Amino acid sequence: MALFDSVIAEFGSRFGLGAKAGSLIAEVIRLMSREPGGIAGFLNRFRSAGLRASPTPW
């Protein structure tokens, strides 16, 4: 869990989410795991919504 703790702390700090970052990351992971095609399918939803540049750096 140390890896996730550091990711959550970094995300919370970088985007000013604080303690809410953990809940947000958990929800994103849940959405990715339910999406047909996994992570690629999740990122394709961004692209099809016109947010093509957003997931590119990921």
PDB file of N, CA and C in Angstrom:
ATOM      1  N   MET A   1       0.802  -1.196   0.000  1.00  0.00           N
ATOM      2  CA  MET A   1       0.000   0.000   0.000  1.00  0.00           C
ATOM      3  C   MET A   1       0.850   1.268   0.000  1.00  0.00           C
ATOM      4  N   ALA A   2       2.110   1.144   0.292  1.00  0.00           N
ATOM      5  CA  ALA A   2       2.969   2.337   0.340  1.00  0.00           C
ATOM      6  C   ALA A   2       3.021   3.037  -1.021  1.00  0.00           C
ATOM      7  N   LEU A   3       3.017   2.261  -2.085  1.00  0.00           N
ATOM      8  CA  LEU A   3       3.016   2.858  -3.419  1.00  0.00           C
ATOM      9  C   LEU A   3       1.766   3.702  -3.629  1.00  0.00           C
ATOM     10  N   PHE A   4       0.600   3.142  -3.312  1.00  0.00           N
ATOM     11  CA  PHE A   4      -0.637   3.894  -3.469  1.00  0.00           C
ATOM     12  C   PHE A   4      -0.687   5.097  -2.541  1.00  0.00           C
ATOM     13  N   ASP A   5      -0.169   4.936  -1.326  1.00  0.00           N
ATOM     14  CA  ASP A   5      -0.150   6.066  -0.391  1.00  0.00           C
ATOM     15  C   ASP A   5       0.650   7.231  -0.947  1.00  0.00           C
ATOM     16  N   SER A   6       1.788   6.935  -1.563  1.00  0.00           N
ATOM     17  CA  SER A   6       2.604   8.016  -2.115  1.00  0.00           C
ATOM     18  C   SER A   6       1.943   8.635  -3.348  1.00  0.00           C
ATOM     19  N   VAL A   7       1.279   7.821  -4.164  1.00  0.00           N
ATOM     20  CA  VAL A   7       0.565   8.343  -5.334  1.00  0.00           C
ATOM     21  C   VAL A   7      -0.590   9.234  -4.878  1.00  0.00           C
ATOM     22  N   ILE A   8      -1.338   8.782  -3.896  1.00  0.00           N
ATOM     23  CA  ILE A   8      -2.468   9.557  -3.378  1.00  0.00           C
ATOM     24  C   ILE A   8      -1.982  10.875  -2.773  1.00  0.00           C
ATOM     25  N   ALA A   9      -0.897  10.814  -2.000  1.00  0.00           N
ATOM     26  CA  ALA A   9      -0.349  12.033  -1.388  1.00  0.00           C
ATOM     27  C   ALA A   9       0.117  13.011  -2.461  1.00  0.00           C
ATOM     28  N   GLU A  10       0.801  12.521  -3.487  1.00  0.00           N
ATOM     29  CA  GLU A  10       1.280  13.384  -4.567  1.00  0.00           C
ATOM     30  C   GLU A  10       0.111  14.001  -5.332  1.00  0.00           C
ATOM     31  N   PHE A  11      -0.861  13.201  -5.650  1.00  0.00           N
ATOM     32  CA  PHE A  11      -2.039  13.667  -6.384  1.00  0.00           C
ATOM     33  C   PHE A  11      -2.794  14.711  -5.561  1.00  0.00           C
ATOM     34  N   GLY A  12      -2.992  14.425  -4.283  1.00  0.00           N
ATOM     35  CA  GLY A  12      -3.692  15.357  -3.410  1.00  0.00           C
ATOM     36  C   GLY A  12      -2.971  16.673  -3.275  1.00  0.00           C
ATOM     37  N   SER A  13      -1.656  16.609  -3.189  1.00  0.00           N
ATOM     38  CA  SER A  13      -0.849  17.824  -3.064  1.00  0.00           C
ATOM     39  C   SER A  13      -0.833  18.621  -4.362  1.00  0.00           C
ATOM     40  N   ARG A  14      -0.617  17.938  -5.450  1.00  0.00           N
ATOM     41  CA  ARG A  14      -0.483  18.607  -6.751  1.00  0.00           C
ATOM     42  C   ARG A  14      -1.763  19.309  -7.179  1.00  0.00           C
ATOM     43  N   PHE A  15      -2.909  18.697  -6.895  1.00  0.00           N
ATOM     44  CA  PHE A  15      -4.177  19.258  -7.342  1.00  0.00           C
ATOM     45  C   PHE A  15      -4.997  19.875  -6.210  1.00  0.00           C
ATOM     46  N   GLY A  16      -4.403  19.995  -5.031  1.00  0.00           N
ATOM     47  CA  GLY A  16      -5.072  20.637  -3.908  1.00  0.00           C
ATOM     48  C   GLY A  16      -6.286  19.882  -3.387  1.00  0.00           C
ATOM     49  N   LEU A  17      -6.264  18.556  -3.479  1.00  0.00           N
ATOM     50  CA  LEU A  17      -7.407  17.753  -3.060  1.00  0.00           C
ATOM     51  C   LEU A  17      -7.309  17.268  -1.624  1.00  0.00           C
ATOM     52  N   GLY A  18      -6.103  17.256  -1.080  1.00  0.00           N
ATOM     53  CA  GLY A  18      -5.919  16.792   0.292  1.00  0.00           C
ATOM     54  C   GLY A  18      -6.420  15.372   0.478  1.00  0.00           C
ATOM     55  N   ALA A  19      -7.219  15.186   1.540  1.00  0.00           N
ATOM     56  CA  ALA A  19      -7.711  13.853   1.900  1.00  0.00           C
ATOM     57  C   ALA A  19      -8.710  13.296   0.887  1.00  0.00           C
ATOM     58  N   LYS A  20      -9.278  14.142   0.038  1.00  0.00           N
ATOM     59  CA  LYS A  20     -10.250  13.681  -0.960  1.00  0.00           C
ATOM     60  C   LYS A  20      -9.604  12.934  -2.113  1.00  0.00           C
ATOM     61  N   ALA A  21      -8.300  13.042  -2.237  1.00  0.00           N
ATOM     62  CA  ALA A  21      -7.598  12.392  -3.352  1.00  0.00           C
ATOM     63  C   ALA A  21      -7.776  10.879  -3.335  1.00  0.00           C
ATOM     64  N   GLY A  22      -7.768  10.271  -2.172  1.00  0.00           N
ATOM     65  CA  GLY A  22      -7.924   8.820  -2.075  1.00  0.00           C
ATOM     66  C   GLY A  22      -9.250   8.352  -2.640  1.00  0.00           C
ATOM     67  N   SER A  23     -10.316   9.055  -2.300  1.00  0.00           N
ATOM     68  CA  SER A  23     -11.649   8.701  -2.813  1.00  0.00           C
ATOM     69  C   SER A  23     -11.721   8.860  -4.318  1.00  0.00           C
ATOM     70  N   LEU A  24     -11.129   9.941  -4.820  1.00  0.00           N
ATOM     71  CA  LEU A  24     -11.145  10.175  -6.265  1.00  0.00           C
ATOM     72  C   LEU A  24     -10.372   9.089  -7.012  1.00  0.00           C
ATOM     73  N   ILE A  25      -9.200   8.743  -6.533  1.00  0.00           N
ATOM     74  CA  ILE A  25      -8.398   7.706  -7.188  1.00  0.00           C
ATOM     75  C   ILE A  25      -9.111   6.360  -7.132  1.00  0.00           C
ATOM     76  N   ALA A  26      -9.743   6.041  -6.004  1.00  0.00           N
ATOM     77  CA  ALA A  26     -10.489   4.780  -5.896  1.00  0.00           C
ATOM     78  C   ALA A  26     -11.618   4.726  -6.920  1.00  0.00           C
ATOM     79  N   GLU A  27     -12.310   5.839  -7.110  1.00  0.00           N
ATOM     80  CA  GLU A  27     -13.410   5.882  -8.076  1.00  0.00           C
ATOM     81  C   GLU A  27     -12.893   5.748  -9.508  1.00  0.00           C
ATOM     82  N   VAL A  28     -11.789   6.392  -9.820  1.00  0.00           N
ATOM     83  CA  VAL A  28     -11.213   6.282 -11.164  1.00  0.00           C
ATOM     84  C   VAL A  28     -10.786   4.845 -11.450  1.00  0.00           C
ATOM     85  N   ILE A  29     -10.171   4.205 -10.479  1.00  0.00           N
ATOM     86  CA  ILE A  29      -9.769   2.798 -10.651  1.00  0.00           C
ATOM     87  C   ILE A  29     -11.000   1.918 -10.847  1.00  0.00           C
ATOM     88  N   ARG A  30     -12.073   2.193 -10.097  1.00  0.00           N
ATOM     89  CA  ARG A  30     -13.305   1.427 -10.250  1.00  0.00           C
ATOM     90  C   ARG A  30     -13.873   1.620 -11.653  1.00  0.00           C
ATOM     91  N   LEU A  31     -13.883   2.857 -12.144  1.00  0.00           N
ATOM     92  CA  LEU A  31     -14.386   3.112 -13.491  1.00  0.00           C
ATOM     93  C   LEU A  31     -13.537   2.412 -14.551  1.00  0.00           C
ATOM     94  N   MET A  32     -12.224   2.437 -14.389  1.00  0.00           N
ATOM     95  CA  MET A  32     -11.345   1.784 -15.367  1.00  0.00           C
ATOM     96  C   MET A  32     -11.551   0.285 -15.371  1.00  0.00           C
ATOM     97  N   SER A  33     -11.772  -0.295 -14.201  1.00  0.00           N
ATOM     98  CA  SER A  33     -11.912  -1.753 -14.147  1.00  0.00           C
ATOM     99  C   SER A  33     -13.257  -2.215 -14.709  1.00  0.00           C
ATOM    100  N   ARG A  34     -14.266  -1.352 -14.697  1.00  0.00           N
ATOM    101  CA  ARG A  34     -15.576  -1.710 -15.238  1.00  0.00           C
ATOM    102  C   ARG A  34     -15.700  -1.392 -16.720  1.00  0.00           C
ATOM    103  N   GLU A  35     -14.836  -0.556 -17.229  1.00  0.00           N
ATOM    104  CA  GLU A  35     -14.895  -0.117 -18.623  1.00  0.00           C
ATOM    105  C   GLU A  35     -14.485  -1.257 -19.567  1.00  0.00           C
ATOM    106  N   PRO A  36     -15.288  -1.539 -20.604  1.00  0.00           N
ATOM    107  CA  PRO A  36     -14.840  -2.522 -21.595  1.00  0.00           C
ATOM    108  C   PRO A  36     -13.518  -2.051 -22.225  1.00  0.00           C
ATOM    109  N   GLY A  37     -12.550  -2.914 -22.253  1.00  0.00           N
ATOM    110  CA  GLY A  37     -11.250  -2.550 -22.802  1.00  0.00           C
ATOM    111  C   GLY A  37     -10.280  -2.073 -21.735  1.00  0.00           C
ATOM    112  N   GLY A  38     -10.713  -2.066 -20.472  1.00  0.00           N
ATOM    113  CA  GLY A  38      -9.825  -1.682 -19.376  1.00  0.00           C
ATOM    114  C   GLY A  38      -9.362  -0.239 -19.477  1.00  0.00           C
ATOM    115  N   ILE A  39      -8.091  -0.024 -19.202  1.00  0.00           N
ATOM    116  CA  ILE A  39      -7.516   1.323 -19.204  1.00  0.00           C
ATOM    117  C   ILE A  39      -7.616   1.948 -20.591  1.00  0.00           C
ATOM    118  N   ALA A  40      -7.349   1.169 -21.628  1.00  0.00           N
ATOM    119  CA  ALA A  40      -7.429   1.707 -22.988  1.00  0.00           C
ATOM    120  C   ALA A  40      -8.849   2.167 -23.302  1.00  0.00           C
ATOM    121  N   GLY A  41      -9.844   1.408 -22.898  1.00  0.00           N
ATOM    122  CA  GLY A  41     -11.231   1.803 -23.116  1.00  0.00           C
ATOM    123  C   GLY A  41     -11.589   3.062 -22.338  1.00  0.00           C
ATOM    124  N   PHE A  42     -11.070   3.170 -21.127  1.00  0.00           N
ATOM    125  CA  PHE A  42     -11.293   4.359 -20.306  1.00  0.00           C
ATOM    126  C   PHE A  42     -10.695   5.594 -20.977  1.00  0.00           C
ATOM    127  N   LEU A  43      -9.475   5.481 -21.467  1.00  0.00           N
ATOM    128  CA  LEU A  43      -8.830   6.607 -22.146  1.00  0.00           C
ATOM    129  C   LEU A  43      -9.529   6.952 -23.459  1.00  0.00           C
ATOM    130  N   ASN A  44     -10.069   5.943 -24.140  1.00  0.00           N
ATOM    131  CA  ASN A  44     -10.821   6.201 -25.367  1.00  0.00           C
ATOM    132  C   ASN A  44     -12.081   7.023 -25.087  1.00  0.00           C
ATOM    133  N   ARG A  45     -12.661   6.843 -23.892  1.00  0.00           N
ATOM    134  CA  ARG A  45     -13.818   7.669 -23.531  1.00  0.00           C
ATOM    135  C   ARG A  45     -13.429   9.139 -23.436  1.00  0.00           C
ATOM    136  N   PHE A  46     -12.234   9.435 -22.928  1.00  0.00           N
ATOM    137  CA  PHE A  46     -11.749  10.821 -22.898  1.00  0.00           C
ATOM    138  C   PHE A  46     -11.642  11.353 -24.319  1.00  0.00           C
ATOM    139  N   ARG A  47     -11.024  10.563 -25.179  1.00  0.00           N
ATOM    140  CA  ARG A  47     -10.821  10.999 -26.561  1.00  0.00           C
ATOM    141  C   ARG A  47     -12.147  11.229 -27.275  1.00  0.00           C
ATOM    142  N   SER A  48     -13.101  10.340 -27.092  1.00  0.00           N
ATOM    143  CA  SER A  48     -14.388  10.480 -27.766  1.00  0.00           C
ATOM    144  C   SER A  48     -15.204  11.642 -27.208  1.00  0.00           C
ATOM    145  N   ALA A  49     -14.883  12.086 -25.997  1.00  0.00           N
ATOM    146  CA  ALA A  49     -15.566  13.238 -25.399  1.00  0.00           C
ATOM    147  C   ALA A  49     -14.910  14.557 -25.799  1.00  0.00           C
ATOM    148  N   GLY A  50     -13.894  14.482 -26.662  1.00  0.00           N
ATOM    149  CA  GLY A  50     -13.225  15.697 -27.114  1.00  0.00           C
ATOM    150  C   GLY A  50     -12.082  16.123 -26.221  1.00  0.00           C
ATOM    151  N   LEU A  51     -11.671  15.278 -25.302  1.00  0.00           N
ATOM    152  CA  LEU A  51     -10.570  15.582 -24.385  1.00  0.00           C
ATOM    153  C   LEU A  51      -9.315  14.829 -24.809  1.00  0.00           C
ATOM    154  N   ARG A  52      -9.026  14.863 -26.077  1.00  0.00           N
ATOM    155  CA  ARG A  52      -7.942  14.082 -26.663  1.00  0.00           C
ATOM    156  C   ARG A  52      -6.600  14.355 -25.992  1.00  0.00           C
ATOM    157  N   ALA A  53      -6.282  15.597 -25.688  1.00  0.00           N
ATOM    158  CA  ALA A  53      -4.962  15.936 -25.144  1.00  0.00           C
ATOM    159  C   ALA A  53      -4.825  15.568 -23.671  1.00  0.00           C
ATOM    160  N   SER A  54      -5.924  15.454 -22.936  1.00  0.00           N
ATOM    161  CA  SER A  54      -5.844  15.204 -21.495  1.00  0.00           C
ATOM    162  C   SER A  54      -5.132  13.907 -21.125  1.00  0.00           C
ATOM    163  N   PRO A  55      -5.512  12.760 -21.676  1.00  0.00           N
ATOM    164  CA  PRO A  55      -4.864  11.522 -21.240  1.00  0.00           C
ATOM    165  C   PRO A  55      -3.544  11.211 -21.953  1.00  0.00           C
ATOM    166  N   THR A  56      -3.173  11.984 -22.955  1.00  0.00           N
ATOM    167  CA  THR A  56      -1.972  11.670 -23.735  1.00  0.00           C
ATOM    168  C   THR A  56      -0.722  11.566 -22.872  1.00  0.00           C
ATOM    169  N   PRO A  57      -0.453  12.502 -21.945  1.00  0.00           N
ATOM    170  CA  PRO A  57       0.764  12.409 -21.128  1.00  0.00           C
ATOM    171  C   PRO A  57       0.774  11.212 -20.170  1.00  0.00           C
ATOM    172  N   TRP A  58      -0.389  10.622 -19.897  1.00  0.00           N
ATOM    173  CA  TRP A  58      -0.439   9.526 -18.951  1.00  0.00           C
ATOM    174  C   TRP A  58       0.292   8.333 -19.504  1.00  0.00           C
TER     175      TRP A  58
END
